[in-house]
ModelCIF file with pLDDT and N, C-alpha, C, O atoms, coordinates in Angstrom:
data_MODEL
#
_entry.id   MODEL 
#
_entity.id                         1 
_entity.type                       polymer 
_entity.pdbx_number_of_molecules   1 
#
_entity_poly.entity_id                      1 
_entity_poly.type                           'polypeptide(L)' 
_entity_poly.nstd_linkage                   no 
_entity_poly.nstd_monomer                   no 
_entity_poly.pdbx_seq_one_letter_code       LLYCVSLYMPDLVISVSDSMRQRMVRLPGLSEERFATVHNGIDAD 
_entity_poly.pdbx_seq_one_letter_code_can   LLYCVSLYMPDLVISVSDSMRQRMVRLPGLSEERFATVHNGIDAD 
_entity_poly.pdbx_strand_id                 A 
#
loop_
_entity_poly_seq.entity_id 
_entity_poly_seq.num 
_entity_poly_seq.mon_id 
_entity_poly_seq.hetero 
1 1  LEU n 
1 2  LEU n 
1 3  TYR n 
1 4  CYS n 
1 5  VAL n 
1 6  SER n 
1 7  LEU n 
1 8  TYR n 
1 9  MET n 
1 10 PRO n 
1 11 ASP n 
1 12 LEU n 
1 13 VAL n 
1 14 ILE n 
1 15 SER n 
1 16 VAL n 
1 17 SER n 
1 18 ASP n 
1 19 SER n 
1 20 MET n 
1 21 ARG n 
1 22 GLN n 
1 23 ARG n 
1 24 MET n 
1 25 VAL n 
1 26 ARG n 
1 27 LEU n 
1 28 PRO n 
1 29 GLY n 
1 30 LEU n 
1 31 SER n 
1 32 GLU n 
1 33 GLU n 
1 34 ARG n 
1 35 PHE n 
1 36 ALA n 
1 37 THR n 
1 38 VAL n 
1 39 HIS n 
1 40 ASN n 
1 41 GLY n 
1 42 ILE n 
1 43 ASP n 
1 44 ALA n 
1 45 ASP n 
#
_struct_asym.id          A 
_struct_asym.entity_id   1 
#
loop_
_ma_qa_metric.id 
_ma_qa_metric.mode 
_ma_qa_metric.name 
_ma_qa_metric.software_group_id 
_ma_qa_metric.type 
1 global pLDDT . pLDDT 
2 local  pLDDT . pLDDT 
#
_ma_qa_metric_global.metric_id      1 
_ma_qa_metric_global.metric_value   92.38 
_ma_qa_metric_global.model_id       1 
_ma_qa_metric_global.ordinal_id     1 
#
loop_
_ma_qa_metric_local.label_asym_id 
_ma_qa_metric_local.label_comp_id 
_ma_qa_metric_local.label_seq_id 
_ma_qa_metric_local.metric_id 
_ma_qa_metric_local.metric_value 
_ma_qa_metric_local.model_id 
_ma_qa_metric_local.ordinal_id 
A LEU 1  2 85.00 1 1  
A LEU 2  2 85.00 1 2  
A TYR 3  2 84.00 1 3  
A CYS 4  2 88.00 1 4  
A VAL 5  2 89.00 1 5  
A SER 6  2 91.00 1 6  
A LEU 7  2 92.00 1 7  
A TYR 8  2 94.00 1 8  
A MET 9  2 93.00 1 9  
A PRO 10 2 95.00 1 10 
A ASP 11 2 94.00 1 11 
A LEU 12 2 96.00 1 12 
A VAL 13 2 96.00 1 13 
A ILE 14 2 96.00 1 14 
A SER 15 2 95.00 1 15 
A VAL 16 2 95.00 1 16 
A SER 17 2 95.00 1 17 
A ASP 18 2 94.00 1 18 
A SER 19 2 92.00 1 19 
A MET 20 2 91.00 1 20 
A ARG 21 2 93.00 1 21 
A GLN 22 2 92.00 1 22 
A ARG 23 2 89.00 1 23 
A MET 24 2 91.00 1 24 
A VAL 25 2 91.00 1 25 
A ARG 26 2 90.00 1 26 
A LEU 27 2 90.00 1 27 
A PRO 28 2 92.00 1 28 
A GLY 29 2 90.00 1 29 
A LEU 30 2 90.00 1 30 
A SER 31 2 87.00 1 31 
A GLU 32 2 90.00 1 32 
A GLU 33 2 91.00 1 33 
A ARG 34 2 92.00 1 34 
A PHE 35 2 95.00 1 35 
A ALA 36 2 96.00 1 36 
A THR 37 2 96.00 1 37 
A VAL 38 2 97.00 1 38 
A HIS 39 2 97.00 1 39 
A ASN 40 2 96.00 1 40 
A GLY 41 2 96.00 1 41 
A ILE 42 2 95.00 1 42 
A ASP 43 2 93.00 1 43 
A ALA 44 2 94.00 1 44 
A ASP 45 2 94.00 1 45 
#
loop_
_atom_site.group_PDB 
_atom_site.id 
_atom_site.type_symbol 
_atom_site.label_atom_id 
_atom_site.label_alt_id 
_atom_site.label_comp_id 
_atom_site.label_asym_id 
_atom_site.label_entity_id 
_atom_site.label_seq_id 
_atom_site.pdbx_PDB_ins_code 
_atom_site.Cartn_x 
_atom_site.Cartn_y 
_atom_site.Cartn_z 
_atom_site.occupancy 
_atom_site.B_iso_or_equiv 
_atom_site.pdbx_formal_charge 
_atom_site.auth_seq_id 
_atom_site.auth_comp_id 
_atom_site.auth_asym_id 
_atom_site.auth_atom_id 
_atom_site.pdbx_PDB_model_num 
ATOM 1   N N  . LEU A 1 1  ? 265.721 -107.643 -133.418 1.00 85.00 ? 1  LEU A N  1 
ATOM 2   C CA . LEU A 1 1  ? 265.299 -107.380 -134.797 1.00 85.00 ? 1  LEU A CA 1 
ATOM 3   C C  . LEU A 1 1  ? 263.778 -107.442 -134.906 1.00 85.00 ? 1  LEU A C  1 
ATOM 4   O O  . LEU A 1 1  ? 263.154 -106.566 -135.506 1.00 85.00 ? 1  LEU A O  1 
ATOM 5   N N  . LEU A 1 2  ? 263.189 -108.483 -134.321 1.00 85.00 ? 2  LEU A N  1 
ATOM 6   C CA . LEU A 1 2  ? 261.729 -108.602 -134.335 1.00 85.00 ? 2  LEU A CA 1 
ATOM 7   C C  . LEU A 1 2  ? 261.072 -107.473 -133.553 1.00 85.00 ? 2  LEU A C  1 
ATOM 8   O O  . LEU A 1 2  ? 259.996 -107.000 -133.919 1.00 85.00 ? 2  LEU A O  1 
ATOM 9   N N  . TYR A 1 3  ? 261.723 -107.045 -132.475 1.00 84.00 ? 3  TYR A N  1 
ATOM 10  C CA . TYR A 1 3  ? 261.208 -105.921 -131.678 1.00 84.00 ? 3  TYR A CA 1 
ATOM 11  C C  . TYR A 1 3  ? 261.090 -104.676 -132.557 1.00 84.00 ? 3  TYR A C  1 
ATOM 12  O O  . TYR A 1 3  ? 260.068 -103.991 -132.530 1.00 84.00 ? 3  TYR A O  1 
ATOM 13  N N  . CYS A 1 4  ? 262.128 -104.386 -133.331 1.00 88.00 ? 4  CYS A N  1 
ATOM 14  C CA . CYS A 1 4  ? 262.084 -103.213 -134.225 1.00 88.00 ? 4  CYS A CA 1 
ATOM 15  C C  . CYS A 1 4  ? 260.975 -103.361 -135.264 1.00 88.00 ? 4  CYS A C  1 
ATOM 16  O O  . CYS A 1 4  ? 260.239 -102.412 -135.535 1.00 88.00 ? 4  CYS A O  1 
ATOM 17  N N  . VAL A 1 5  ? 260.861 -104.550 -135.839 1.00 89.00 ? 5  VAL A N  1 
ATOM 18  C CA . VAL A 1 5  ? 259.803 -104.793 -136.828 1.00 89.00 ? 5  VAL A CA 1 
ATOM 19  C C  . VAL A 1 5  ? 258.427 -104.578 -136.206 1.00 89.00 ? 5  VAL A C  1 
ATOM 20  O O  . VAL A 1 5  ? 257.530 -104.033 -136.849 1.00 89.00 ? 5  VAL A O  1 
ATOM 21  N N  . SER A 1 6  ? 258.261 -105.005 -134.961 1.00 91.00 ? 6  SER A N  1 
ATOM 22  C CA . SER A 1 6  ? 256.952 -104.920 -134.302 1.00 91.00 ? 6  SER A CA 1 
ATOM 23  C C  . SER A 1 6  ? 256.488 -103.489 -134.067 1.00 91.00 ? 6  SER A C  1 
ATOM 24  O O  . SER A 1 6  ? 255.304 -103.265 -133.817 1.00 91.00 ? 6  SER A O  1 
ATOM 25  N N  . LEU A 1 7  ? 257.390 -102.517 -134.140 1.00 92.00 ? 7  LEU A N  1 
ATOM 26  C CA . LEU A 1 7  ? 256.998 -101.125 -133.948 1.00 92.00 ? 7  LEU A CA 1 
ATOM 27  C C  . LEU A 1 7  ? 256.198 -100.580 -135.125 1.00 92.00 ? 7  LEU A C  1 
ATOM 28  O O  . LEU A 1 7  ? 255.505 -99.571  -134.996 1.00 92.00 ? 7  LEU A O  1 
ATOM 29  N N  . TYR A 1 8  ? 256.292 -101.246 -136.268 1.00 94.00 ? 8  TYR A N  1 
ATOM 30  C CA . TYR A 1 8  ? 255.594 -100.781 -137.465 1.00 94.00 ? 8  TYR A CA 1 
ATOM 31  C C  . TYR A 1 8  ? 254.178 -101.366 -137.579 1.00 94.00 ? 8  TYR A C  1 
ATOM 32  O O  . TYR A 1 8  ? 253.433 -100.984 -138.481 1.00 94.00 ? 8  TYR A O  1 
ATOM 33  N N  . MET A 1 9  ? 253.805 -102.264 -136.703 1.00 93.00 ? 9  MET A N  1 
ATOM 34  C CA . MET A 1 9  ? 252.568 -103.017 -136.863 1.00 93.00 ? 9  MET A CA 1 
ATOM 35  C C  . MET A 1 9  ? 251.326 -102.367 -136.252 1.00 93.00 ? 9  MET A C  1 
ATOM 36  O O  . MET A 1 9  ? 250.284 -102.354 -136.907 1.00 93.00 ? 9  MET A O  1 
ATOM 37  N N  . PRO A 1 10 ? 251.382 -101.828 -135.031 1.00 95.00 ? 10 PRO A N  1 
ATOM 38  C CA . PRO A 1 10 ? 250.148 -101.379 -134.373 1.00 95.00 ? 10 PRO A CA 1 
ATOM 39  C C  . PRO A 1 10 ? 249.634 -100.040 -134.908 1.00 95.00 ? 10 PRO A C  1 
ATOM 40  O O  . PRO A 1 10 ? 250.363 -99.286  -135.553 1.00 95.00 ? 10 PRO A O  1 
ATOM 41  N N  . ASP A 1 11 ? 248.365 -99.768  -134.624 1.00 94.00 ? 11 ASP A N  1 
ATOM 42  C CA . ASP A 1 11 ? 247.815 -98.439  -134.869 1.00 94.00 ? 11 ASP A CA 1 
ATOM 43  C C  . ASP A 1 11 ? 248.458 -97.425  -133.926 1.00 94.00 ? 11 ASP A C  1 
ATOM 44  O O  . ASP A 1 11 ? 248.651 -96.264  -134.286 1.00 94.00 ? 11 ASP A O  1 
ATOM 45  N N  . LEU A 1 12 ? 248.788 -97.879  -132.711 1.00 96.00 ? 12 LEU A N  1 
ATOM 46  C CA . LEU A 1 12 ? 249.421 -97.003  -131.729 1.00 96.00 ? 12 LEU A CA 1 
ATOM 47  C C  . LEU A 1 12 ? 250.379 -97.820  -130.882 1.00 96.00 ? 12 LEU A C  1 
ATOM 48  O O  . LEU A 1 12 ? 250.035 -98.895  -130.393 1.00 96.00 ? 12 LEU A O  1 
ATOM 49  N N  . VAL A 1 13 ? 251.592 -97.294  -130.715 1.00 96.00 ? 13 VAL A N  1 
ATOM 50  C CA . VAL A 1 13 ? 252.579 -97.886  -129.818 1.00 96.00 ? 13 VAL A CA 1 
ATOM 51  C C  . VAL A 1 13 ? 252.645 -97.019  -128.564 1.00 96.00 ? 13 VAL A C  1 
ATOM 52  O O  . VAL A 1 13 ? 252.886 -95.815  -128.646 1.00 96.00 ? 13 VAL A O  1 
ATOM 53  N N  . ILE A 1 14 ? 252.433 -97.629  -127.422 1.00 96.00 ? 14 ILE A N  1 
ATOM 54  C CA . ILE A 1 14 ? 252.474 -96.910  -126.154 1.00 96.00 ? 14 ILE A CA 1 
ATOM 55  C C  . ILE A 1 14 ? 253.788 -97.245  -125.460 1.00 96.00 ? 14 ILE A C  1 
ATOM 56  O O  . ILE A 1 14 ? 254.068 -98.406  -125.161 1.00 96.00 ? 14 ILE A O  1 
ATOM 57  N N  . SER A 1 15 ? 254.578 -96.229  -125.211 1.00 95.00 ? 15 SER A N  1 
ATOM 58  C CA . SER A 1 15 ? 255.838 -96.383  -124.493 1.00 95.00 ? 15 SER A CA 1 
ATOM 59  C C  . SER A 1 15 ? 255.620 -96.028  -123.032 1.00 95.00 ? 15 SER A C  1 
ATOM 60  O O  . SER A 1 15 ? 254.840 -95.130  -122.716 1.00 95.00 ? 15 SER A O  1 
ATOM 61  N N  . VAL A 1 16 ? 256.309 -96.732  -122.141 1.00 95.00 ? 16 VAL A N  1 
ATOM 62  C CA . VAL A 1 16 ? 256.147 -96.440  -120.714 1.00 95.00 ? 16 VAL A CA 1 
ATOM 63  C C  . VAL A 1 16 ? 257.068 -95.328  -120.241 1.00 95.00 ? 16 VAL A C  1 
ATOM 64  O O  . VAL A 1 16 ? 257.015 -94.941  -119.074 1.00 95.00 ? 16 VAL A O  1 
ATOM 65  N N  . SER A 1 17 ? 257.923 -94.802  -121.135 1.00 95.00 ? 17 SER A N  1 
ATOM 66  C CA . SER A 1 17 ? 258.750 -93.654  -120.771 1.00 95.00 ? 17 SER A CA 1 
ATOM 67  C C  . SER A 1 17 ? 258.997 -92.793  -122.002 1.00 95.00 ? 17 SER A C  1 
ATOM 68  O O  . SER A 1 17 ? 258.983 -93.282  -123.131 1.00 95.00 ? 17 SER A O  1 
ATOM 69  N N  . ASP A 1 18 ? 259.224 -91.507  -121.768 1.00 94.00 ? 18 ASP A N  1 
ATOM 70  C CA . ASP A 1 18 ? 259.500 -90.589  -122.875 1.00 94.00 ? 18 ASP A CA 1 
ATOM 71  C C  . ASP A 1 18 ? 260.817 -90.914  -123.553 1.00 94.00 ? 18 ASP A C  1 
ATOM 72  O O  . ASP A 1 18 ? 260.930 -90.806  -124.774 1.00 94.00 ? 18 ASP A O  1 
ATOM 73  N N  . SER A 1 19 ? 261.817 -91.312  -122.772 1.00 92.00 ? 19 SER A N  1 
ATOM 74  C CA . SER A 1 19 ? 263.118 -91.628  -123.359 1.00 92.00 ? 19 SER A CA 1 
ATOM 75  C C  . SER A 1 19 ? 263.022 -92.828  -124.292 1.00 92.00 ? 19 SER A C  1 
ATOM 76  O O  . SER A 1 19 ? 263.683 -92.856  -125.330 1.00 92.00 ? 19 SER A O  1 
ATOM 77  N N  . MET A 1 20 ? 262.210 -93.814  -123.939 1.00 91.00 ? 20 MET A N  1 
ATOM 78  C CA . MET A 1 20 ? 261.981 -94.938  -124.843 1.00 91.00 ? 20 MET A CA 1 
ATOM 79  C C  . MET A 1 20 ? 261.309 -94.472  -126.124 1.00 91.00 ? 20 MET A C  1 
ATOM 80  O O  . MET A 1 20 ? 261.722 -94.848  -127.221 1.00 91.00 ? 20 MET A O  1 
ATOM 81  N N  . ARG A 1 21 ? 260.278 -93.658  -125.986 1.00 93.00 ? 21 ARG A N  1 
ATOM 82  C CA . ARG A 1 21 ? 259.550 -93.183  -127.170 1.00 93.00 ? 21 ARG A CA 1 
ATOM 83  C C  . ARG A 1 21 ? 260.468 -92.404  -128.103 1.00 93.00 ? 21 ARG A C  1 
ATOM 84  O O  . ARG A 1 21 ? 260.394 -92.565  -129.322 1.00 93.00 ? 21 ARG A O  1 
ATOM 85  N N  . GLN A 1 22 ? 261.327 -91.566  -127.547 1.00 92.00 ? 22 GLN A N  1 
ATOM 86  C CA . GLN A 1 22 ? 262.226 -90.766  -128.373 1.00 92.00 ? 22 GLN A CA 1 
ATOM 87  C C  . GLN A 1 22 ? 263.196 -91.635  -129.161 1.00 92.00 ? 22 GLN A C  1 
ATOM 88  O O  . GLN A 1 22 ? 263.569 -91.295  -130.284 1.00 92.00 ? 22 GLN A O  1 
ATOM 89  N N  . ARG A 1 23 ? 263.604 -92.758  -128.574 1.00 89.00 ? 23 ARG A N  1 
ATOM 90  C CA . ARG A 1 23 ? 264.501 -93.668  -129.297 1.00 89.00 ? 23 ARG A CA 1 
ATOM 91  C C  . ARG A 1 23 ? 263.758 -94.441  -130.374 1.00 89.00 ? 23 ARG A C  1 
ATOM 92  O O  . ARG A 1 23 ? 264.314 -94.714  -131.438 1.00 89.00 ? 23 ARG A O  1 
ATOM 93  N N  . MET A 1 24 ? 262.512 -94.795  -130.108 1.00 91.00 ? 24 MET A N  1 
ATOM 94  C CA . MET A 1 24 ? 261.735 -95.552  -131.087 1.00 91.00 ? 24 MET A CA 1 
ATOM 95  C C  . MET A 1 24 ? 261.461 -94.743  -132.354 1.00 91.00 ? 24 MET A C  1 
ATOM 96  O O  . MET A 1 24 ? 261.549 -95.274  -133.462 1.00 91.00 ? 24 MET A O  1 
ATOM 97  N N  . VAL A 1 25 ? 261.131 -93.472  -132.196 1.00 91.00 ? 25 VAL A N  1 
ATOM 98  C CA . VAL A 1 25 ? 260.729 -92.673  -133.358 1.00 91.00 ? 25 VAL A CA 1 
ATOM 99  C C  . VAL A 1 25 ? 261.901 -92.350  -134.272 1.00 91.00 ? 25 VAL A C  1 
ATOM 100 O O  . VAL A 1 25 ? 261.699 -91.806  -135.358 1.00 91.00 ? 25 VAL A O  1 
ATOM 101 N N  . ARG A 1 26 ? 263.125 -92.673  -133.857 1.00 90.00 ? 26 ARG A N  1 
ATOM 102 C CA . ARG A 1 26 ? 264.279 -92.450  -134.726 1.00 90.00 ? 26 ARG A CA 1 
ATOM 103 C C  . ARG A 1 26 ? 264.381 -93.469  -135.853 1.00 90.00 ? 26 ARG A C  1 
ATOM 104 O O  . ARG A 1 26 ? 265.116 -93.260  -136.818 1.00 90.00 ? 26 ARG A O  1 
ATOM 105 N N  . LEU A 1 27 ? 263.645 -94.572  -135.732 1.00 90.00 ? 27 LEU A N  1 
ATOM 106 C CA . LEU A 1 27 ? 263.678 -95.575  -136.786 1.00 90.00 ? 27 LEU A CA 1 
ATOM 107 C C  . LEU A 1 27 ? 263.055 -95.005  -138.052 1.00 90.00 ? 27 LEU A C  1 
ATOM 108 O O  . LEU A 1 27 ? 262.099 -94.234  -137.970 1.00 90.00 ? 27 LEU A O  1 
ATOM 109 N N  . PRO A 1 28 ? 263.572 -95.364  -139.213 1.00 92.00 ? 28 PRO A N  1 
ATOM 110 C CA . PRO A 1 28 ? 263.046 -94.790  -140.468 1.00 92.00 ? 28 PRO A CA 1 
ATOM 111 C C  . PRO A 1 28 ? 261.585 -95.165  -140.704 1.00 92.00 ? 28 PRO A C  1 
ATOM 112 O O  . PRO A 1 28 ? 261.169 -96.303  -140.492 1.00 92.00 ? 28 PRO A O  1 
ATOM 113 N N  . GLY A 1 29 ? 260.828 -94.171  -141.148 1.00 90.00 ? 29 GLY A N  1 
ATOM 114 C CA . GLY A 1 29 ? 259.436 -94.424  -141.509 1.00 90.00 ? 29 GLY A CA 1 
ATOM 115 C C  . GLY A 1 29 ? 258.453 -94.358  -140.369 1.00 90.00 ? 29 GLY A C  1 
ATOM 116 O O  . GLY A 1 29 ? 257.257 -94.553  -140.581 1.00 90.00 ? 29 GLY A O  1 
ATOM 117 N N  . LEU A 1 30 ? 258.926 -94.087  -139.150 1.00 90.00 ? 30 LEU A N  1 
ATOM 118 C CA . LEU A 1 30 ? 258.034 -93.989  -138.003 1.00 90.00 ? 30 LEU A CA 1 
ATOM 119 C C  . LEU A 1 30 ? 257.830 -92.519  -137.637 1.00 90.00 ? 30 LEU A C  1 
ATOM 120 O O  . LEU A 1 30 ? 258.784 -91.741  -137.610 1.00 90.00 ? 30 LEU A O  1 
ATOM 121 N N  . SER A 1 31 ? 256.597 -92.150  -137.361 1.00 87.00 ? 31 SER A N  1 
ATOM 122 C CA . SER A 1 31 ? 256.284 -90.765  -137.038 1.00 87.00 ? 31 SER A CA 1 
ATOM 123 C C  . SER A 1 31 ? 255.849 -90.656  -135.580 1.00 87.00 ? 31 SER A C  1 
ATOM 124 O O  . SER A 1 31 ? 255.479 -91.649  -134.952 1.00 87.00 ? 31 SER A O  1 
ATOM 125 N N  . GLU A 1 32 ? 255.898 -89.442  -135.057 1.00 90.00 ? 32 GLU A N  1 
ATOM 126 C CA . GLU A 1 32 ? 255.473 -89.178  -133.684 1.00 90.00 ? 32 GLU A CA 1 
ATOM 127 C C  . GLU A 1 32 ? 254.023 -89.582  -133.462 1.00 90.00 ? 32 GLU A C  1 
ATOM 128 O O  . GLU A 1 32 ? 253.651 -89.997  -132.365 1.00 90.00 ? 32 GLU A O  1 
ATOM 129 N N  . GLU A 1 33 ? 253.207 -89.461  -134.499 1.00 91.00 ? 33 GLU A N  1 
ATOM 130 C CA . GLU A 1 33 ? 251.776 -89.736  -134.360 1.00 91.00 ? 33 GLU A CA 1 
ATOM 131 C C  . GLU A 1 33 ? 251.489 -91.192  -134.017 1.00 91.00 ? 33 GLU A C  1 
ATOM 132 O O  . GLU A 1 33 ? 250.430 -91.509  -133.474 1.00 91.00 ? 33 GLU A O  1 
ATOM 133 N N  . ARG A 1 34 ? 252.424 -92.073  -134.332 1.00 92.00 ? 34 ARG A N  1 
ATOM 134 C CA . ARG A 1 34 ? 252.223 -93.507  -134.060 1.00 92.00 ? 34 ARG A CA 1 
ATOM 135 C C  . ARG A 1 34 ? 252.486 -93.846  -132.594 1.00 92.00 ? 34 ARG A C  1 
ATOM 136 O O  . ARG A 1 34 ? 252.182 -94.957  -132.160 1.00 92.00 ? 34 ARG A O  1 
ATOM 137 N N  . PHE A 1 35 ? 253.049 -92.903  -131.816 1.00 95.00 ? 35 PHE A N  1 
ATOM 138 C CA . PHE A 1 35 ? 253.509 -93.196  -130.468 1.00 95.00 ? 35 PHE A CA 1 
ATOM 139 C C  . PHE A 1 35 ? 252.836 -92.313  -129.426 1.00 95.00 ? 35 PHE A C  1 
ATOM 140 O O  . PHE A 1 35 ? 252.439 -91.182  -129.706 1.00 95.00 ? 35 PHE A O  1 
ATOM 141 N N  . ALA A 1 36 ? 252.719 -92.850  -128.233 1.00 96.00 ? 36 ALA A N  1 
ATOM 142 C CA . ALA A 1 36 ? 252.270 -92.086  -127.068 1.00 96.00 ? 36 ALA A CA 1 
ATOM 143 C C  . ALA A 1 36 ? 253.028 -92.616  -125.854 1.00 96.00 ? 36 ALA A C  1 
ATOM 144 O O  . ALA A 1 36 ? 253.516 -93.746  -125.861 1.00 96.00 ? 36 ALA A O  1 
ATOM 145 N N  . THR A 1 37 ? 253.121 -91.795  -124.818 1.00 96.00 ? 37 THR A N  1 
ATOM 146 C CA . THR A 1 37 ? 253.773 -92.217  -123.574 1.00 96.00 ? 37 THR A CA 1 
ATOM 147 C C  . THR A 1 37 ? 252.738 -92.286  -122.467 1.00 96.00 ? 37 THR A C  1 
ATOM 148 O O  . THR A 1 37 ? 251.970 -91.347  -122.259 1.00 96.00 ? 37 THR A O  1 
ATOM 149 N N  . VAL A 1 38 ? 252.724 -93.402  -121.759 1.00 97.00 ? 38 VAL A N  1 
ATOM 150 C CA . VAL A 1 38 ? 251.925 -93.533  -120.543 1.00 97.00 ? 38 VAL A CA 1 
ATOM 151 C C  . VAL A 1 38 ? 252.835 -94.120  -119.467 1.00 97.00 ? 38 VAL A C  1 
ATOM 152 O O  . VAL A 1 38 ? 253.206 -95.292  -119.526 1.00 97.00 ? 38 VAL A O  1 
ATOM 153 N N  . HIS A 1 39 ? 253.184 -93.300  -118.496 1.00 97.00 ? 39 HIS A N  1 
ATOM 154 C CA . HIS A 1 39 ? 254.012 -93.804  -117.389 1.00 97.00 ? 39 HIS A CA 1 
ATOM 155 C C  . HIS A 1 39 ? 253.225 -94.815  -116.572 1.00 97.00 ? 39 HIS A C  1 
ATOM 156 O O  . HIS A 1 39 ? 252.026 -94.651  -116.349 1.00 97.00 ? 39 HIS A O  1 
ATOM 157 N N  . ASN A 1 40 ? 253.908 -95.861  -116.128 1.00 96.00 ? 40 ASN A N  1 
ATOM 158 C CA . ASN A 1 40 ? 253.284 -96.818  -115.212 1.00 96.00 ? 40 ASN A CA 1 
ATOM 159 C C  . ASN A 1 40 ? 252.866 -96.111  -113.931 1.00 96.00 ? 40 ASN A C  1 
ATOM 160 O O  . ASN A 1 40 ? 253.485 -95.130  -113.519 1.00 96.00 ? 40 ASN A O  1 
ATOM 161 N N  . GLY A 1 41 ? 251.817 -96.615  -113.313 1.00 96.00 ? 41 GLY A N  1 
ATOM 162 C CA . GLY A 1 41 ? 251.359 -96.064  -112.048 1.00 96.00 ? 41 GLY A CA 1 
ATOM 163 C C  . GLY A 1 41 ? 251.040 -97.173  -111.060 1.00 96.00 ? 41 GLY A C  1 
ATOM 164 O O  . GLY A 1 41 ? 250.821 -98.321  -111.446 1.00 96.00 ? 41 GLY A O  1 
ATOM 165 N N  . ILE A 1 42 ? 251.015 -96.820  -109.782 1.00 95.00 ? 42 ILE A N  1 
ATOM 166 C CA . ILE A 1 42 ? 250.739 -97.803  -108.734 1.00 95.00 ? 42 ILE A CA 1 
ATOM 167 C C  . ILE A 1 42 ? 249.815 -97.202  -107.680 1.00 95.00 ? 42 ILE A C  1 
ATOM 168 O O  . ILE A 1 42 ? 249.628 -95.987  -107.611 1.00 95.00 ? 42 ILE A O  1 
ATOM 169 N N  . ASP A 1 43 ? 249.252 -98.072  -106.872 1.00 93.00 ? 43 ASP A N  1 
ATOM 170 C CA . ASP A 1 43 ? 248.518 -97.658  -105.681 1.00 93.00 ? 43 ASP A CA 1 
ATOM 171 C C  . ASP A 1 43 ? 249.553 -97.449  -104.579 1.00 93.00 ? 43 ASP A C  1 
ATOM 172 O O  . ASP A 1 43 ? 249.925 -98.396  -103.887 1.00 93.00 ? 43 ASP A O  1 
ATOM 173 N N  . ALA A 1 44 ? 250.014 -96.222  -104.418 1.00 94.00 ? 44 ALA A N  1 
ATOM 174 C CA . ALA A 1 44 ? 251.153 -95.945  -103.537 1.00 94.00 ? 44 ALA A CA 1 
ATOM 175 C C  . ALA A 1 44 ? 250.886 -96.353  -102.093 1.00 94.00 ? 44 ALA A C  1 
ATOM 176 O O  . ALA A 1 44 ? 251.781 -96.875  -101.427 1.00 94.00 ? 44 ALA A O  1 
ATOM 177 N N  . ASP A 1 45 ? 249.689 -96.127  -101.604 1.00 94.00 ? 45 ASP A N  1 
ATOM 178 C CA . ASP A 1 45 ? 249.391 -96.446  -100.203 1.00 94.00 ? 45 ASP A CA 1 
ATOM 179 C C  . ASP A 1 45 ? 249.547 -97.937  -99.911  1.00 94.00 ? 45 ASP A C  1 
ATOM 180 O O  . ASP A 1 45 ? 249.333 -98.370  -98.778  1.00 94.00 ? 45 ASP A O  1 
#
């Protein structure tokens, strides 16, 4: 419940996956503009 509430607080919510972002924006009152996706990255070598 607190997790859902916390989505309304920031200027920008960054999701680590597109599928997560798509589920978040379904909540009432949240727009695509509040969200961005940045996939995690690593030093592969």
